[in-house]
Amino acid sequence: MNIDYTMLNENRKRLLEWQASHYVNESHFFRLNAGCGNAQIDGYVNMDIDNGDVNGDIRVMPFKDTCMDAITCHHVLEHLPQRHIAKTIHEFSRILKDGGWLDIGVPDIELVCKAFLEASEKRKWNWYIYTIYGSQIKDGIHPSRATEDMPNAEGMFHRSGVSQRMLCDCLMANSFEVIESYHYDGFGTPSVFILARKV
């Protein structure tokens, strides 16, 4: 079975349209952009380890129980140790109000490994290896152009992998109902989008 890259690209457009209609600055909602990095969203509390409105670790957040209306978390979970994925999902559940929304985008390790195995030798070692292990250097520099003397960027390593099914199961085990889930092209990385509601 081959990866359907046309479908991944079509679903990327679908995701961008969804985000454009949902990431609207509405002041009466309290929403979190967890692990924002450089992708801050107006009208959200942008949180990252050192680059947000709130600086901190998304595994243990400084927010009260049931205070958020929505959480978005894109291309973040893979930077956490595997054993901390469920803990982080539980933390999202803790701070979300009942009926609150969570949208997650993350590389799908099953599709990423398949893409690596199907790729040309050049593409394997100039791109897909980094979709598995992260860029490992400062954001904005293509990893294949990194030199040995460049410092590591610890936050850019991938420390875990999830599949669509594993993440859906983890969400359901932490009081979420999965509303929608599909694969998409996450900047050249086969990824999964999941929209879930806390029940």
C-alpha atoms as a PDB file:
ATOM      1  CA  MET A   1       0.000   0.000   0.000  1.00  0.00           C
ATOM      2  CA  ASN A   2       1.437   3.347  -1.066  1.00  0.00           C
ATOM      3  CA  ILE A   3       0.962   6.672   0.671  1.00  0.00           C
ATOM      4  CA  ASP A   4      -1.574   8.856  -1.148  1.00  0.00           C
ATOM      5  CA  TYR A   5       0.312  12.167  -1.311  1.00  0.00           C
ATOM      6  CA  THR A   6      -2.488  13.803  -3.314  1.00  0.00           C
ATOM      7  CA  MET A   7      -4.903  13.087  -0.458  1.00  0.00           C
ATOM      8  CA  LEU A   8      -2.366  14.365   2.104  1.00  0.00           C
ATOM      9  CA  ASN A   9      -2.038  17.645   0.164  1.00  0.00           C
ATOM     10  CA  GLU A  10      -5.811  18.001  -0.239  1.00  0.00           C
ATOM     11  CA  ASN A  11      -6.246  17.422   3.488  1.00  0.00           C
ATOM     12  CA  ARG A  12      -3.567  20.054   4.219  1.00  0.00           C
ATOM     13  CA  LYS A  13      -5.761  22.588   2.376  1.00  0.00           C
ATOM     14  CA  ARG A  14      -8.765  21.300   4.330  1.00  0.00           C
ATOM     15  CA  LEU A  15      -6.888  21.775   7.622  1.00  0.00           C
ATOM     16  CA  LEU A  16      -5.751  25.293   6.684  1.00  0.00           C
ATOM     17  CA  GLU A  17      -9.345  26.245   5.840  1.00  0.00           C
ATOM     18  CA  TRP A  18     -10.528  24.795   9.161  1.00  0.00           C
ATOM     19  CA  GLN A  19      -7.847  26.708  11.054  1.00  0.00           C
ATOM     20  CA  ALA A  20      -8.691  29.967   9.255  1.00  0.00           C
ATOM     21  CA  SER A  21     -12.322  29.649  10.327  1.00  0.00           C
ATOM     22  CA  HIS A  22     -11.617  28.545  13.919  1.00  0.00           C
ATOM     23  CA  TYR A  23      -8.528  30.518  14.943  1.00  0.00           C
ATOM     24  CA  VAL A  24     -10.482  33.759  15.051  1.00  0.00           C
ATOM     25  CA  ASN A  25      -9.736  36.355  17.716  1.00  0.00           C
ATOM     26  CA  GLU A  26     -12.821  36.147  19.951  1.00  0.00           C
ATOM     27  CA  SER A  27     -12.125  37.797  23.300  1.00  0.00           C
ATOM     28  CA  HIS A  28     -14.878  35.967  25.210  1.00  0.00           C
ATOM     29  CA  PHE A  29     -13.082  32.612  24.793  1.00  0.00           C
ATOM     30  CA  PHE A  30     -10.039  31.504  26.816  1.00  0.00           C
ATOM     31  CA  ARG A  31      -7.953  29.442  24.402  1.00  0.00           C
ATOM     32  CA  LEU A  32      -4.458  27.966  24.572  1.00  0.00           C
ATOM     33  CA  ASN A  33      -1.881  27.487  21.826  1.00  0.00           C
ATOM     34  CA  ALA A  34       0.208  24.785  23.547  1.00  0.00           C
ATOM     35  CA  GLY A  35       3.815  24.643  22.377  1.00  0.00           C
ATOM     36  CA  CYS A  36       3.430  27.673  20.128  1.00  0.00           C
ATOM     37  CA  GLY A  37       7.079  28.092  19.116  1.00  0.00           C
ATOM     38  CA  ASN A  38       7.135  30.872  16.517  1.00  0.00           C
ATOM     39  CA  ALA A  39       3.509  30.216  15.455  1.00  0.00           C
ATOM     40  CA  GLN A  40       1.663  32.498  17.864  1.00  0.00           C
ATOM     41  CA  ILE A  41      -2.081  32.968  17.339  1.00  0.00           C
ATOM     42  CA  ASP A  42      -3.893  36.231  18.127  1.00  0.00           C
ATOM     43  CA  GLY A  43      -6.574  35.779  20.771  1.00  0.00           C
ATOM     44  CA  TYR A  44      -4.900  32.707  22.270  1.00  0.00           C
ATOM     45  CA  VAL A  45      -2.659  32.313  25.294  1.00  0.00           C
ATOM     46  CA  ASN A  46       0.516  31.293  23.478  1.00  0.00           C
ATOM     47  CA  MET A  47       2.588  28.956  25.645  1.00  0.00           C
ATOM     48  CA  ASP A  48       6.027  27.539  25.015  1.00  0.00           C
ATOM     49  CA  ILE A  49       9.079  26.627  27.023  1.00  0.00           C
ATOM     50  CA  ASP A  50      10.630  30.069  26.431  1.00  0.00           C
ATOM     51  CA  ASN A  51       8.847  31.895  23.608  1.00  0.00           C
ATOM     52  CA  GLY A  52       5.256  32.489  24.667  1.00  0.00           C
ATOM     53  CA  ASP A  53       2.884  34.785  26.479  1.00  0.00           C
ATOM     54  CA  VAL A  54       3.278  32.145  29.192  1.00  0.00           C
ATOM     55  CA  ASN A  55       6.587  30.323  29.431  1.00  0.00           C
ATOM     56  CA  GLY A  56       6.489  26.807  30.803  1.00  0.00           C
ATOM     57  CA  ASP A  57       6.190  23.100  30.250  1.00  0.00           C
ATOM     58  CA  ILE A  58       2.931  21.843  28.711  1.00  0.00           C
ATOM     59  CA  ARG A  59       3.219  18.640  30.749  1.00  0.00           C
ATOM     60  CA  VAL A  60       2.514  20.624  33.947  1.00  0.00           C
ATOM     61  CA  MET A  61       0.688  23.842  33.081  1.00  0.00           C
ATOM     62  CA  PRO A  62       0.135  26.803  35.400  1.00  0.00           C
ATOM     63  CA  PHE A  63      -3.604  26.991  34.724  1.00  0.00           C
ATOM     64  CA  LYS A  64      -6.576  26.220  36.954  1.00  0.00           C
ATOM     65  CA  ASP A  65      -8.756  23.185  36.348  1.00  0.00           C
ATOM     66  CA  THR A  66     -11.451  23.572  33.667  1.00  0.00           C
ATOM     67  CA  CYS A  67     -10.439  27.100  32.672  1.00  0.00           C
ATOM     68  CA  MET A  68      -9.871  26.752  28.895  1.00  0.00           C
ATOM     69  CA  ASP A  69     -12.487  26.752  26.155  1.00  0.00           C
ATOM     70  CA  ALA A  70     -10.126  25.324  23.537  1.00  0.00           C
ATOM     71  CA  ILE A  71      -6.566  24.089  23.070  1.00  0.00           C
ATOM     72  CA  THR A  72      -4.569  23.812  19.870  1.00  0.00           C
ATOM     73  CA  CYS A  73      -1.328  21.820  19.803  1.00  0.00           C
ATOM     74  CA  HIS A  74       0.421  21.311  16.470  1.00  0.00           C
ATOM     75  CA  HIS A  75       3.717  19.528  15.895  1.00  0.00           C
ATOM     76  CA  VAL A  76       4.587  19.571  19.587  1.00  0.00           C
ATOM     77  CA  LEU A  77       3.876  16.160  21.130  1.00  0.00           C
ATOM     78  CA  GLU A  78       6.662  14.478  19.161  1.00  0.00           C
ATOM     79  CA  HIS A  79       9.171  16.670  21.035  1.00  0.00           C
ATOM     80  CA  LEU A  80       8.169  15.093  24.371  1.00  0.00           C
ATOM     81  CA  PRO A  81       9.433  11.762  25.723  1.00  0.00           C
ATOM     82  CA  GLN A  82       7.122   8.897  24.737  1.00  0.00           C
ATOM     83  CA  ARG A  83       6.195   8.237  28.370  1.00  0.00           C
ATOM     84  CA  HIS A  84       4.904  11.832  28.715  1.00  0.00           C
ATOM     85  CA  ILE A  85       2.364  11.784  25.868  1.00  0.00           C
ATOM     86  CA  ALA A  86      -0.514  10.404  27.978  1.00  0.00           C
ATOM     87  CA  LYS A  87       0.431  12.715  30.868  1.00  0.00           C
ATOM     88  CA  THR A  88       0.216  15.726  28.547  1.00  0.00           C
ATOM     89  CA  ILE A  89      -3.154  14.636  27.128  1.00  0.00           C
ATOM     90  CA  HIS A  90      -4.366  14.227  30.729  1.00  0.00           C
ATOM     91  CA  GLU A  91      -3.138  17.766  31.464  1.00  0.00           C
ATOM     92  CA  PHE A  92      -5.091  19.074  28.460  1.00  0.00           C
ATOM     93  CA  SER A  93      -8.183  17.328  29.833  1.00  0.00           C
ATOM     94  CA  ARG A  94      -7.582  18.841  33.275  1.00  0.00           C
ATOM     95  CA  ILE A  95      -7.542  22.449  32.072  1.00  0.00           C
ATOM     96  CA  LEU A  96     -10.299  22.160  29.441  1.00  0.00           C
ATOM     97  CA  LYS A  97     -13.893  22.915  30.361  1.00  0.00           C
ATOM     98  CA  ASP A  98     -16.441  20.162  29.747  1.00  0.00           C
ATOM     99  CA  GLY A  99     -17.401  20.506  26.097  1.00  0.00           C
ATOM    100  CA  GLY A 100     -14.081  22.235  25.354  1.00  0.00           C
ATOM    101  CA  TRP A 101     -12.250  21.557  22.100  1.00  0.00           C
ATOM    102  CA  LEU A 102      -8.780  20.142  21.475  1.00  0.00           C
ATOM    103  CA  ASP A 103      -7.165  20.086  18.053  1.00  0.00           C
ATOM    104  CA  ILE A 104      -3.873  18.289  17.587  1.00  0.00           C
ATOM    105  CA  GLY A 105      -1.563  17.892  14.611  1.00  0.00           C
ATOM    106  CA  VAL A 106       1.406  15.554  14.864  1.00  0.00           C
ATOM    107  CA  PRO A 107       3.567  13.415  12.565  1.00  0.00           C
ATOM    108  CA  ASP A 108       2.084   9.932  12.190  1.00  0.00           C
ATOM    109  CA  ILE A 109       5.045   7.650  12.899  1.00  0.00           C
ATOM    110  CA  GLU A 110       3.548   4.793  10.869  1.00  0.00           C
ATOM    111  CA  LEU A 111       3.225   6.947   7.738  1.00  0.00           C
ATOM    112  CA  VAL A 112       6.578   8.649   8.326  1.00  0.00           C
ATOM    113  CA  CYS A 113       8.358   5.275   8.523  1.00  0.00           C
ATOM    114  CA  LYS A 114       6.533   4.087   5.409  1.00  0.00           C
ATOM    115  CA  ALA A 115       7.523   7.282   3.561  1.00  0.00           C
ATOM    116  CA  PHE A 116      11.139   6.793   4.642  1.00  0.00           C
ATOM    117  CA  LEU A 117      11.177   3.223   3.327  1.00  0.00           C
ATOM    118  CA  GLU A 118       9.546   4.203   0.010  1.00  0.00           C
ATOM    119  CA  ALA A 119      11.715   7.278  -0.633  1.00  0.00           C
ATOM    120  CA  SER A 120      14.790   7.543  -2.827  1.00  0.00           C
ATOM    121  CA  GLU A 121      18.111   7.256  -0.991  1.00  0.00           C
ATOM    122  CA  LYS A 122      18.641  11.013  -1.301  1.00  0.00           C
ATOM    123  CA  ARG A 123      15.176  11.846   0.056  1.00  0.00           C
ATOM    124  CA  LYS A 124      15.573   9.337   2.910  1.00  0.00           C
ATOM    125  CA  TRP A 125      18.732  10.982   4.208  1.00  0.00           C
ATOM    126  CA  ASN A 126      18.029  14.618   3.234  1.00  0.00           C
ATOM    127  CA  TRP A 127      14.465  14.767   4.552  1.00  0.00           C
ATOM    128  CA  TYR A 128      12.648  11.788   6.053  1.00  0.00           C
ATOM    129  CA  ILE A 129      15.334  11.001   8.618  1.00  0.00           C
ATOM    130  CA  TYR A 130      14.584  14.446  10.100  1.00  0.00           C
ATOM    131  CA  THR A 131      10.837  13.828  10.143  1.00  0.00           C
ATOM    132  CA  ILE A 132      11.617  10.871  12.406  1.00  0.00           C
ATOM    133  CA  TYR A 133      14.273  12.428  14.672  1.00  0.00           C
ATOM    134  CA  GLY A 134      13.567  16.154  14.294  1.00  0.00           C
ATOM    135  CA  SER A 135      15.714  18.851  12.747  1.00  0.00           C
ATOM    136  CA  GLN A 136      17.940  18.947  15.861  1.00  0.00           C
ATOM    137  CA  ILE A 137      19.192  22.442  15.005  1.00  0.00           C
ATOM    138  CA  LYS A 138      17.861  25.993  15.122  1.00  0.00           C
ATOM    139  CA  ASP A 139      14.514  26.393  13.389  1.00  0.00           C
ATOM    140  CA  GLY A 140      14.792  27.893   9.932  1.00  0.00           C
ATOM    141  CA  ILE A 141      17.907  25.989   8.872  1.00  0.00           C
ATOM    142  CA  HIS A 142      17.281  22.958   6.691  1.00  0.00           C
ATOM    143  CA  PRO A 143      18.800  20.030   8.577  1.00  0.00           C
ATOM    144  CA  SER A 144      20.600  18.723   5.491  1.00  0.00           C
ATOM    145  CA  ARG A 145      22.552  22.007   5.423  1.00  0.00           C
ATOM    146  CA  ALA A 146      23.689  21.723   9.035  1.00  0.00           C
ATOM    147  CA  THR A 147      27.386  21.627   9.717  1.00  0.00           C
ATOM    148  CA  GLU A 148      29.059  19.674  12.478  1.00  0.00           C
ATOM    149  CA  ASP A 149      29.980  22.844  14.393  1.00  0.00           C
ATOM    150  CA  MET A 150      26.370  24.101  14.652  1.00  0.00           C
ATOM    151  CA  PRO A 151      24.985  23.780  18.184  1.00  0.00           C
ATOM    152  CA  ASN A 152      22.166  21.353  18.875  1.00  0.00           C
ATOM    153  CA  ALA A 153      18.754  22.838  19.601  1.00  0.00           C
ATOM    154  CA  GLU A 154      17.395  20.462  22.236  1.00  0.00           C
ATOM    155  CA  GLY A 155      13.798  21.532  21.616  1.00  0.00           C
ATOM    156  CA  MET A 156      14.053  20.518  17.963  1.00  0.00           C
ATOM    157  CA  PHE A 157      14.686  16.807  18.608  1.00  0.00           C
ATOM    158  CA  HIS A 158      11.812  14.360  18.178  1.00  0.00           C
ATOM    159  CA  ARG A 159      11.649  12.151  21.248  1.00  0.00           C
ATOM    160  CA  SER A 160       8.515  10.142  20.508  1.00  0.00           C
ATOM    161  CA  GLY A 161       6.129   8.974  17.841  1.00  0.00           C
ATOM    162  CA  VAL A 162       2.392   8.454  17.706  1.00  0.00           C
ATOM    163  CA  SER A 163      -0.002   6.928  15.216  1.00  0.00           C
ATOM    164  CA  GLN A 164      -3.544   8.018  14.475  1.00  0.00           C
ATOM    165  CA  ARG A 165      -4.987   5.058  16.362  1.00  0.00           C
ATOM    166  CA  MET A 166      -2.641   5.364  19.362  1.00  0.00           C
ATOM    167  CA  LEU A 167      -3.436   9.062  19.779  1.00  0.00           C
ATOM    168  CA  CYS A 168      -7.201   8.551  19.369  1.00  0.00           C
ATOM    169  CA  ASP A 169      -7.067   5.787  22.003  1.00  0.00           C
ATOM    170  CA  CYS A 170      -5.094   8.038  24.364  1.00  0.00           C
ATOM    171  CA  LEU A 171      -7.614  10.859  23.917  1.00  0.00           C
ATOM    172  CA  MET A 172     -10.591   8.578  24.581  1.00  0.00           C
ATOM    173  CA  ALA A 173      -8.878   7.244  27.722  1.00  0.00           C
ATOM    174  CA  ASN A 174      -8.623  10.839  28.980  1.00  0.00           C
ATOM    175  CA  SER A 175     -12.265  11.947  28.670  1.00  0.00           C
ATOM    176  CA  PHE A 176     -12.228  13.044  25.031  1.00  0.00           C
ATOM    177  CA  GLU A 177     -14.598  12.176  22.216  1.00  0.00           C
ATOM    178  CA  VAL A 178     -12.841  12.122  18.833  1.00  0.00           C
ATOM    179  CA  ILE A 179     -14.955  14.201  16.445  1.00  0.00           C
ATOM    180  CA  GLU A 180     -12.747  14.105  13.368  1.00  0.00           C
ATOM    181  CA  SER A 181      -9.421  12.576  12.419  1.00  0.00           C
ATOM    182  CA  TYR A 182      -7.525  12.499   9.126  1.00  0.00           C
ATOM    183  CA  HIS A 183      -4.037  12.434   7.660  1.00  0.00           C
ATOM    184  CA  TYR A 184      -2.511  15.496   6.003  1.00  0.00           C
ATOM    185  CA  ASP A 185       0.783  16.861   4.708  1.00  0.00           C
ATOM    186  CA  GLY A 186       2.416  18.650   7.648  1.00  0.00           C
ATOM    187  CA  PHE A 187       5.103  20.611   5.791  1.00  0.00           C
ATOM    188  CA  GLY A 188       6.401  17.534   3.974  1.00  0.00           C
ATOM    189  CA  THR A 189       5.767  15.265   6.950  1.00  0.00           C
ATOM    190  CA  PRO A 190       2.887  12.751   6.800  1.00  0.00           C
ATOM    191  CA  SER A 191       0.824  13.851   9.800  1.00  0.00           C
ATOM    192  CA  VAL A 192      -2.480  13.279  11.545  1.00  0.00           C
ATOM    193  CA  PHE A 193      -5.028  15.925  12.593  1.00  0.00           C
ATOM    194  CA  ILE A 194      -7.461  15.125  15.383  1.00  0.00           C
ATOM    195  CA  LEU A 195     -10.339  17.268  16.603  1.00  0.00           C
ATOM    196  CA  ALA A 196     -11.673  16.115  19.964  1.00  0.00           C
ATOM    197  CA  ARG A 197     -14.161  17.384  22.533  1.00  0.00           C
ATOM    198  CA  LYS A 198     -13.897  16.896  26.279  1.00  0.00           C
ATOM    199  CA  VAL A 199     -16.895  14.952  27.569  1.00  0.00           C
END
